Protein backbone atom coordinates (compact mmCIF):
# COMPACT_ATOMS: atom_id res chain seq x y z
CA MET A 1 0.03 0.24 -0.07
CA ILE A 2 1.36 3.93 -0.71
CA VAL A 3 1.97 5.40 2.31
CA LYS A 4 -0.03 8.35 2.63
CA SER A 5 2.71 10.72 2.30
CA ASP A 6 4.01 9.46 -0.93
CA ALA A 7 0.31 9.49 -2.65
CA PRO A 8 -0.05 11.24 -5.75
CA LYS A 9 -2.22 14.25 -5.55
CA TYR A 10 -5.71 14.01 -8.07
CA PRO A 11 -8.27 16.48 -8.01
CA LEU A 12 -11.82 15.73 -8.93
CA ARG A 13 -14.74 16.82 -9.60
CA ILE A 14 -18.19 14.85 -9.13
CA PRO A 15 -21.80 16.09 -9.12
CA LEU A 16 -22.72 16.75 -5.45
CA GLU A 17 -25.06 13.70 -5.66
CA VAL A 18 -22.27 10.84 -5.42
CA LYS A 19 -20.23 13.22 -2.99
CA LEU A 20 -23.71 12.84 -0.75
CA ALA A 21 -23.48 9.42 -0.79
CA ILE A 22 -19.61 8.83 -0.59
CA GLU A 23 -19.62 10.82 2.33
CA LYS A 24 -23.00 9.06 3.85
CA SER A 25 -21.20 5.61 2.82
CA ALA A 26 -17.90 6.89 4.37
CA LYS A 27 -19.65 7.73 8.11
CA GLU A 28 -21.47 4.32 7.60
CA ASN A 29 -17.83 2.54 7.22
CA GLY A 30 -16.24 4.59 9.64
CA ARG A 31 -13.77 5.60 7.66
CA SER A 32 -12.67 9.10 6.18
CA ILE A 33 -13.99 10.12 2.45
CA ASN A 34 -10.65 9.34 0.74
CA THR A 35 -10.19 6.52 2.18
CA GLU A 36 -14.13 5.07 1.39
CA MET A 37 -13.54 6.66 -1.84
CA VAL A 38 -9.72 4.74 -2.60
CA MET A 39 -12.04 1.75 -1.59
CA ARG A 40 -14.19 1.34 -3.63
CA LEU A 41 -12.06 2.05 -7.06
CA VAL A 42 -9.42 -0.48 -6.08
CA ASP A 43 -12.82 -2.71 -5.86
CA SER A 44 -14.34 -2.30 -8.56
CA LEU A 45 -10.53 -2.12 -10.34
CA ARG A 46 -10.37 -6.04 -9.02
CA ARG A 47 -14.17 -7.04 -10.23
CA ASP A 48 -12.78 -5.24 -13.43
CA SER A 49 -9.57 -7.30 -13.13
CA SER A 50 -11.04 -10.56 -12.64
CA LYS A 51 -14.09 -10.13 -15.23
CA GLY A 52 -10.85 -9.75 -17.68
CA ASN A 53 -11.87 -6.31 -18.59
CA LEU A 54 -8.88 -4.39 -16.90
CA ALA A 55 -7.15 -2.68 -19.61
CA LYS A 56 -3.81 -2.89 -20.64
CA SER A 57 -1.68 0.23 -20.54
């Protein structure tokens, strides 16, 4: 896992309803908003990878 200080920053624009849903989910899971977003992205990428859908770059 990347150490917090080594993680690159990436500004992201998201629809308000998505932001609110992430905030709610983060609170329910006892996580920061950033951690919730990262965990959801990682989970999505793992599912795509297991289906053979991960883009080759």
